[in-house]
């Protein structure tokens, strides 16, 4: 694995600053600064030093909070800081520097230990190329403003392979990895991880608990875990799964309370990789959770042959099933909304269904496809 020791903390847990605590009754940007300071202090006291923020986190207030809670209170070399350039906020070469300079000002950091091109996928990758962001990032390293250049990724394994083949100069990649997404045909956690290993790139893990989904598992899954290790939280199994992967050097956790942090620190302070029997339990938990699907589609695609609207029925059902397992009342949005939009660029929307019935006549599962498409259209039309 590529040596990425420059500024690299010795512990595998990173403080994700996307879901910070807010003041009572407050909105996303109304951060409880005093609570964040306590969390930063506790994190640092335990020997953890990696902090991850981004331009638009917490209603654009995460980076200023970093300055108040961390940078202004600790020596600069005592912690490592990561932030990012998102494709949604620049439309010119000048915009890149404008954002970067504002990030330096907002954080007061002087330089960034890790800097990421943010959330690359098949849809926005051409924009990062168009505005020469990869060479731009390497220039920042040469100027001493970035120590380790990399990117976070939300696309498919072939696209990741293309990027790493074209840009071997990038030093790490940040991937969504958790045991629920490990075999997902959309997130492709395992496939993307294997591409990173192939290119000898260290991996940072985001969404190890899938936005809280794996912290609040179904009752039968929690019982499975508690019977084996009564003191271990459901979240601990998810974080340890990601941290046990050989090429993973950092696992980010978006901690929004001191209680969550204390739980994470309790098992990551003296981290132990999952043993064989523990991994078997995680695999069983994944099957139980993924077994709770809203639409029992097998993906045979018989329904799509002859569809006059060219609707990607199995793909839409797969996305919908994944979202129905999420706690959308808490998150409000998942990456599958973007995945759906990308698919509709090539295929008909779920709402384009004219109820001709051709699909239902072909379905070997005898599913009420027309009704399910209405459900999908309603969900992704929000």
Protein backbone atom coordinates (compact mmCIF):
# COMPACT_ATOMS: atom_id res chain seq x y z
CA UNK A 1 0.00 0.00 0.00
CA UNK A 2 1.21 3.48 -0.83
CA UNK A 3 2.96 5.24 2.04
CA UNK A 4 0.65 7.98 3.27
CA UNK A 5 2.25 8.55 6.63
CA UNK A 6 2.61 12.31 6.21
CA UNK A 7 0.26 13.74 8.81
CA UNK A 8 -1.40 10.35 9.20
CA UNK A 9 -2.85 9.69 12.64
CA UNK A 10 -2.10 6.44 14.41
CA UNK A 11 -5.74 5.60 15.10
CA UNK A 12 -8.31 4.62 12.49
CA UNK A 13 -11.27 6.71 13.70
CA UNK A 14 -11.88 10.12 12.12
CA UNK A 15 -14.31 12.80 13.31
CA UNK A 16 -16.72 13.53 10.46
CA UNK A 17 -17.99 17.10 10.80
CA UNK A 18 -21.11 16.77 8.65
CA UNK A 19 -23.67 16.00 11.38
CA UNK A 20 -22.60 18.28 14.22
CA UNK A 21 -24.87 18.90 17.22
CA UNK A 22 -27.16 21.90 16.88
CA UNK A 23 -28.58 24.17 19.52
CA UNK A 24 -31.87 23.04 21.00
CA UNK A 25 -34.58 23.77 18.46
CA UNK A 26 -31.97 24.94 15.96
CA UNK A 27 -31.49 24.18 12.29
CA UNK A 28 -28.53 22.51 10.53
CA UNK A 29 -26.30 25.60 10.53
CA UNK A 30 -27.08 26.58 14.14
CA UNK A 31 -24.28 24.53 15.65
CA UNK A 32 -23.87 24.03 19.38
CA UNK A 33 -20.28 25.28 19.50
CA UNK A 34 -19.71 24.53 23.18
CA UNK A 35 -20.81 20.93 22.67
CA UNK A 36 -18.51 20.61 19.67
CA UNK A 37 -15.59 21.93 21.73
CA UNK A 38 -16.22 19.25 24.36
CA UNK A 39 -16.30 16.60 21.67
CA UNK A 40 -13.09 17.87 20.06
CA UNK A 41 -11.36 17.92 23.45
CA UNK A 42 -12.46 14.38 24.28
CA UNK A 43 -11.42 13.13 20.84
CA UNK A 44 -7.98 14.68 21.11
CA UNK A 45 -7.48 13.54 24.71
CA UNK A 46 -7.96 9.95 23.56
CA UNK A 47 -5.24 10.35 20.94
CA UNK A 48 -7.42 10.73 17.84
CA UNK A 49 -6.47 13.55 15.50
CA UNK A 50 -8.28 13.27 12.13
CA UNK A 51 -11.04 15.79 11.34
CA UNK A 52 -13.06 15.83 8.13
CA UNK A 53 -15.13 18.78 6.91
CA UNK A 54 -16.35 20.22 3.60
CA UNK A 55 -17.46 23.49 2.02
CA UNK A 56 -21.22 22.98 2.42
CA UNK A 57 -21.48 20.82 5.55
CA UNK A 58 -23.89 22.01 8.23
CA UNK A 59 -25.33 24.79 6.10
CA UNK A 60 -21.81 26.03 5.22
CA UNK A 61 -20.98 26.41 8.92
CA UNK A 62 -18.82 23.33 9.48
CA UNK A 63 -15.56 24.94 8.33
CA UNK A 64 -15.98 28.05 10.52
CA UNK A 65 -16.77 25.73 13.43
CA UNK A 66 -13.48 23.93 12.80
CA UNK A 67 -11.69 27.24 13.30
CA UNK A 68 -13.45 27.98 16.58
CA UNK A 69 -13.46 24.50 18.10
CA UNK A 70 -10.18 23.10 16.83
CA UNK A 71 -7.72 25.33 14.94
CA UNK A 72 -7.78 28.27 17.35
CA UNK A 73 -7.42 25.98 20.38
CA UNK A 74 -4.76 23.43 19.40
CA UNK A 75 -1.27 23.62 17.86
CA UNK A 76 -1.54 23.16 14.10
CA UNK A 77 0.73 20.11 13.94
CA UNK A 78 -1.26 18.30 16.65
CA UNK A 79 -4.19 17.41 14.36
CA UNK A 80 -4.91 16.54 10.73
CA UNK A 81 -7.62 18.33 8.76
CA UNK A 82 -9.39 17.37 5.56
CA UNK A 83 -11.76 19.43 3.43
CA UNK A 84 -13.07 19.27 -0.13
CA UNK A 85 -13.93 20.95 -3.45
CA UNK A 86 -17.45 20.04 -4.61
CA UNK A 87 -18.44 20.18 -8.29
CA UNK A 88 -21.65 22.01 -7.47
CA UNK A 89 -19.88 25.19 -6.38
CA UNK A 90 -17.45 26.10 -9.16
CA UNK A 91 -17.98 26.99 -12.81
CA UNK A 92 -14.65 28.48 -13.78
CA UNK A 93 -10.94 28.10 -13.17
CA UNK A 94 -11.09 31.16 -10.93
CA UNK A 95 -13.86 29.64 -8.80
CA UNK A 96 -11.56 26.83 -7.68
CA UNK A 97 -9.08 29.22 -6.09
CA UNK A 98 -11.80 31.46 -4.75
CA UNK A 99 -13.32 28.55 -2.82
CA UNK A 100 -9.95 27.19 -1.70
CA UNK A 101 -8.81 30.58 -0.39
CA UNK A 102 -12.10 31.05 1.43
CA UNK A 103 -11.66 27.61 2.99
CA UNK A 104 -8.23 28.62 4.26
CA UNK A 105 -9.78 31.75 5.73
CA UNK A 106 -12.84 30.04 7.18
CA UNK A 107 -10.80 27.32 8.90
CA UNK A 108 -7.71 29.39 9.69
CA UNK A 109 -5.74 26.21 9.09
CA UNK A 110 -2.93 27.63 6.94
CA UNK A 111 -2.83 24.39 4.92
CA UNK A 112 -4.86 21.19 4.61
CA UNK A 113 -3.40 17.81 5.48
CA UNK A 114 -5.87 16.09 3.16
CA UNK A 115 -7.76 17.79 0.35
CA UNK A 116 -10.36 15.99 -1.72
CA UNK A 117 -12.13 16.53 -5.01
CA UNK A 118 -15.56 15.90 -3.56
CA UNK A 119 -18.10 13.25 -4.51
CA UNK A 120 -16.85 12.32 -7.99
CA UNK A 121 -19.17 10.06 -9.99
CA UNK A 122 -19.78 9.28 -13.65
CA UNK A 123 -21.96 12.35 -14.01
CA UNK A 124 -19.64 15.05 -12.65
CA UNK A 125 -16.24 13.51 -13.45
CA UNK A 126 -16.08 15.35 -16.81
CA UNK A 127 -16.50 18.66 -14.99
CA UNK A 128 -13.48 17.98 -12.79
CA UNK A 129 -11.51 17.21 -15.97
CA UNK A 130 -12.88 20.22 -17.86
CA UNK A 131 -11.65 22.60 -15.18
CA UNK A 132 -8.32 20.77 -14.77
CA UNK A 133 -8.95 20.10 -11.08
CA UNK A 134 -6.50 17.20 -10.83
CA UNK A 135 -3.50 19.26 -11.96
CA UNK A 136 -4.80 22.19 -9.90
CA UNK A 137 -4.80 20.01 -6.78
CA UNK A 138 -1.24 18.85 -7.41
CA UNK A 139 -0.21 22.51 -7.75
CA UNK A 140 -1.66 23.12 -4.29
CA UNK A 141 0.56 20.35 -2.99
CA UNK A 142 3.62 21.87 -4.64
CA UNK A 143 2.74 25.18 -3.00
CA UNK A 144 2.62 23.51 0.43
CA UNK A 145 -1.08 24.25 0.84
CA UNK A 146 -2.12 20.59 0.60
CA UNK A 147 -0.12 17.69 1.95
CA UNK A 148 -2.08 14.70 0.64
CA UNK A 149 -4.28 15.11 -2.47
CA UNK A 150 -7.12 12.67 -3.14
CA UNK A 151 -10.83 12.42 -3.87
CA UNK A 152 -14.07 11.00 -2.57
CA UNK A 153 -16.07 8.81 -4.90
CA UNK A 154 -19.74 7.86 -5.38
CA UNK A 155 -19.69 6.14 -8.75
CA UNK A 156 -19.13 2.70 -10.24
CA UNK A 157 -16.00 0.59 -10.09
CA UNK A 158 -15.20 1.02 -13.83
CA UNK A 159 -15.28 4.81 -13.49
CA UNK A 160 -13.05 4.63 -10.41
CA UNK A 161 -10.63 2.42 -12.34
CA UNK A 162 -10.60 4.96 -15.17
CA UNK A 163 -9.82 7.85 -12.81
CA UNK A 164 -7.05 6.05 -10.93
CA UNK A 165 -5.51 4.85 -14.20
CA UNK A 166 -5.48 8.38 -15.61
CA UNK A 167 -4.47 10.07 -12.35
CA UNK A 168 -2.00 7.86 -10.45
CA UNK A 169 -0.66 10.99 -8.78
CA UNK A 170 -3.64 11.05 -6.40
CA UNK A 171 -2.61 9.56 -3.09
CA UNK A 172 -5.82 8.16 -1.61
CA UNK A 173 -9.50 7.63 -2.29
CA UNK A 174 -12.49 8.01 0.03
CA UNK A 175 -15.26 5.42 -0.49
CA UNK A 176 -18.68 4.62 0.95
CA UNK A 177 -18.14 1.28 2.64
CA UNK A 178 -20.42 -0.55 5.05
CA UNK A 179 -21.62 -4.10 5.36
CA UNK A 180 -25.05 -3.28 3.92
CA UNK A 181 -23.56 -1.74 0.74
CA UNK A 182 -20.70 -4.21 0.40
CA UNK A 183 -22.43 -6.21 -2.37
CA UNK A 184 -24.77 -3.43 -3.57
CA UNK A 185 -24.96 -3.13 -7.35
CA UNK A 186 -25.37 0.65 -6.94
CA UNK A 187 -22.91 1.68 -4.25
CA UNK A 188 -20.50 -1.11 -5.21
CA UNK A 189 -18.51 -0.86 -1.98
CA UNK A 190 -16.61 -4.12 -2.48
CA UNK A 191 -15.94 -3.57 -6.18
CA UNK A 192 -14.68 -0.02 -5.61
CA UNK A 193 -12.53 -1.11 -2.67
CA UNK A 194 -10.96 -3.80 -4.85
CA UNK A 195 -10.18 -1.19 -7.53
CA UNK A 196 -8.42 0.95 -4.91
CA UNK A 197 -6.40 -2.08 -3.79
CA UNK A 198 -5.52 -2.84 -7.42
CA UNK A 199 -4.11 0.69 -7.79
CA UNK A 200 -2.37 0.51 -4.40
CA UNK A 201 -4.36 3.45 -3.00
CA UNK A 202 -5.09 3.77 0.72
CA UNK A 203 -8.80 4.08 1.48
CA UNK A 204 -10.72 6.41 3.78
CA UNK A 205 -14.18 5.09 4.61
CA UNK A 206 -17.26 7.31 4.70
CA UNK A 207 -20.75 6.23 5.76
CA UNK A 208 -19.60 3.14 7.72
CA UNK A 209 -22.91 3.23 9.63
CA UNK A 210 -24.84 4.31 6.51
CA UNK A 211 -26.04 7.58 7.99
CA UNK A 212 -27.28 5.90 11.17
CA UNK A 213 -29.10 3.01 9.49
CA UNK A 214 -26.66 0.49 10.97
CA UNK A 215 -26.82 2.10 14.40
CA UNK A 216 -30.59 1.45 14.59
CA UNK A 217 -30.90 -2.03 13.15
CA UNK A 218 -34.01 -4.25 13.18
CA UNK A 219 -34.73 -5.94 16.50
CA UNK A 220 -33.68 -9.39 15.33
CA UNK A 221 -30.32 -8.04 14.16
CA UNK A 222 -29.67 -6.23 17.43
CA UNK A 223 -30.54 -9.43 19.30
CA UNK A 224 -28.05 -11.32 17.14
CA UNK A 225 -25.27 -8.89 18.04
CA UNK A 226 -26.17 -8.56 21.72
CA UNK A 227 -26.19 -12.32 22.27
CA UNK A 228 -22.60 -12.48 21.05
CA UNK A 229 -21.29 -9.29 22.68
CA UNK A 230 -23.80 -7.74 25.12
CA UNK A 231 -21.78 -4.55 25.64
CA UNK A 232 -21.17 -3.80 21.96
CA UNK A 233 -23.45 -1.37 20.17
CA UNK A 234 -24.85 -2.13 16.69
CA UNK A 235 -22.78 0.79 15.37
CA UNK A 236 -19.58 -0.81 16.66
CA UNK A 237 -20.08 -3.81 14.40
CA UNK A 238 -20.45 -1.55 11.36
CA UNK A 239 -17.43 0.63 12.12
CA UNK A 240 -15.25 -2.37 12.93
CA UNK A 241 -16.30 -4.05 9.69
CA UNK A 242 -14.97 -1.11 7.68
CA UNK A 243 -11.87 -0.64 9.83
CA UNK A 244 -10.95 -4.32 9.47
CA UNK A 245 -10.30 -3.99 5.75
CA UNK A 246 -6.55 -4.12 5.12
CA UNK A 247 -6.23 -1.08 2.84
CA UNK A 248 -8.43 1.15 5.01
CA UNK A 249 -6.39 3.64 7.01
CA UNK A 250 -9.23 5.85 8.29
CA UNK A 251 -12.93 5.39 9.08
CA UNK A 252 -15.01 8.55 9.38
CA UNK A 253 -17.90 8.72 11.79
CA UNK A 254 -20.32 11.63 11.68
CA UNK A 255 -20.75 12.04 15.42
CA UNK A 256 -23.48 14.43 16.54
CA UNK A 257 -23.27 13.91 20.30
CA UNK A 258 -20.74 13.17 23.00
CA UNK A 259 -22.55 9.90 23.68
CA UNK A 260 -21.97 8.72 20.11
CA UNK A 261 -18.34 9.72 20.36
CA UNK A 262 -17.82 7.88 23.63
CA UNK A 263 -19.30 4.75 22.11
CA UNK A 264 -17.00 4.96 19.08
CA UNK A 265 -13.95 5.61 21.20
CA UNK A 266 -14.75 2.69 23.51
CA UNK A 267 -13.94 0.13 20.81
CA UNK A 268 -11.68 2.13 18.49
CA UNK A 269 -9.19 3.25 21.14
CA UNK A 270 -7.82 -0.31 21.21
CA UNK A 271 -9.21 -1.45 17.89
CA UNK A 272 -9.46 -5.16 17.17
CA UNK A 273 -10.33 -6.36 13.65
CA UNK A 274 -13.35 -8.61 13.26
CA UNK A 275 -12.62 -12.29 13.82
CA UNK A 276 -13.96 -14.97 11.52
CA UNK A 277 -17.02 -15.75 13.63
CA UNK A 278 -17.76 -12.04 14.05
CA UNK A 279 -17.60 -11.51 10.30
CA UNK A 280 -20.05 -14.38 9.89
CA UNK A 281 -22.48 -12.58 12.24
CA UNK A 282 -22.16 -9.38 10.22
CA UNK A 283 -22.88 -11.28 7.02
CA UNK A 284 -25.95 -12.80 8.65
CA UNK A 285 -27.08 -9.34 9.78
CA UNK A 286 -26.68 -8.03 6.23
CA UNK A 287 -28.92 -10.79 4.88
CA UNK A 288 -31.56 -10.09 7.53
CA UNK A 289 -31.61 -6.36 6.80
CA UNK A 290 -31.46 -6.71 3.04
CA UNK A 291 -34.16 -9.36 3.27
CA UNK A 292 -36.62 -6.70 4.35
CA UNK A 293 -37.28 -5.48 0.84
CA UNK A 294 -40.28 -3.54 -0.36
CA UNK A 295 -40.44 -5.02 -3.88
CA UNK A 296 -39.34 -8.69 -4.30
CA UNK A 297 -37.93 -8.15 -7.79
CA UNK A 298 -35.27 -10.62 -8.91
CA UNK A 299 -33.88 -8.34 -11.63
CA UNK A 300 -34.54 -10.76 -14.48
CA UNK A 301 -35.49 -7.81 -16.76
CA UNK A 302 -38.21 -9.74 -18.61
CA UNK A 303 -40.44 -6.74 -17.95
CA UNK A 304 -38.27 -4.28 -19.85
CA UNK A 305 -38.30 -6.06 -23.23
CA UNK A 306 -40.92 -4.26 -25.26
CA UNK A 307 -41.65 -1.52 -22.70
CA UNK A 308 -42.89 1.35 -24.92
CA UNK A 309 -41.54 3.95 -22.47
CA UNK A 310 -38.13 2.25 -22.06
CA UNK A 311 -38.43 2.37 -18.25
CA UNK A 312 -35.53 0.80 -16.31
CA UNK A 313 -37.91 -1.14 -14.06
CA UNK A 314 -35.52 -3.50 -12.20
CA UNK A 315 -32.97 -0.73 -11.63
CA UNK A 316 -35.62 1.61 -10.22
CA UNK A 317 -36.95 -1.14 -7.95
CA UNK A 318 -33.44 -1.82 -6.66
CA UNK A 319 -32.91 1.84 -5.79
CA UNK A 320 -36.34 2.03 -4.17
CA UNK A 321 -35.68 -1.07 -2.07
CA UNK A 322 -32.44 0.38 -0.78
CA UNK A 323 -34.17 3.62 0.17
CA UNK A 324 -37.02 1.83 1.94
CA UNK A 325 -34.45 0.36 4.31
CA UNK A 326 -33.15 3.82 5.13
CA UNK A 327 -34.47 6.11 7.85
CA UNK A 328 -35.52 8.79 5.40
CA UNK A 329 -37.49 10.72 8.01
CA UNK A 330 -34.12 11.43 9.64
CA UNK A 331 -31.93 11.83 6.54
CA UNK A 332 -34.32 13.31 3.98
CA UNK A 333 -32.03 12.36 1.07
CA UNK A 334 -29.87 9.48 -0.10
CA UNK A 335 -27.42 9.08 -2.98
CA UNK A 336 -30.09 7.01 -4.74
CA UNK A 337 -31.96 10.20 -5.65
CA UNK A 338 -28.92 11.10 -7.78
CA UNK A 339 -28.64 7.55 -9.09
CA UNK A 340 -32.28 7.72 -10.18
CA UNK A 341 -31.73 11.05 -11.94
CA UNK A 342 -28.72 9.65 -13.81
CA UNK A 343 -30.75 6.67 -15.00
CA UNK A 344 -33.57 8.87 -16.26
CA UNK A 345 -31.11 10.58 -18.61
CA UNK A 346 -31.09 7.33 -20.61
CA UNK A 347 -34.35 5.63 -19.63
CA UNK A 348 -37.94 6.69 -19.12
CA UNK A 349 -38.95 7.91 -15.66
CA UNK A 350 -41.08 5.72 -13.42
CA UNK A 351 -43.87 8.25 -13.82
CA UNK A 352 -43.78 7.82 -17.61
CA UNK A 353 -45.57 4.47 -17.27
CA UNK A 354 -48.74 4.36 -19.41
CA UNK A 355 -50.11 1.27 -17.62
CA UNK A 356 -50.18 -0.84 -20.77
CA UNK A 357 -49.61 -3.97 -18.68
CA UNK A 358 -46.95 -5.49 -20.95
CA UNK A 359 -44.51 -5.76 -18.04
CA UNK A 360 -46.93 -7.46 -15.68
CA UNK A 361 -47.74 -10.05 -18.32
CA UNK A 362 -44.05 -10.95 -18.57
CA UNK A 363 -43.13 -10.91 -14.86
CA UNK A 364 -42.40 -14.43 -13.54
CA UNK A 365 -42.95 -13.13 -9.99
CA UNK A 366 -46.40 -11.78 -10.95
CA UNK A 367 -45.60 -8.44 -9.35
CA UNK A 368 -48.02 -5.48 -9.55
CA UNK A 369 -45.39 -3.52 -11.46
CA UNK A 370 -47.66 -0.65 -12.45
CA UNK A 371 -48.47 0.12 -8.80
CA UNK A 372 -44.84 -0.25 -7.77
CA UNK A 373 -43.78 2.21 -10.48
CA UNK A 374 -46.29 4.69 -9.09
CA UNK A 375 -44.68 4.26 -5.66
CA UNK A 376 -41.23 4.80 -7.14
CA UNK A 377 -42.39 7.88 -9.06
CA UNK A 378 -43.91 9.38 -5.92
CA UNK A 379 -40.77 8.68 -3.89
CA UNK A 380 -38.25 10.14 -6.35
CA UNK A 381 -40.54 12.98 -7.34
CA UNK A 382 -40.14 14.62 -3.92
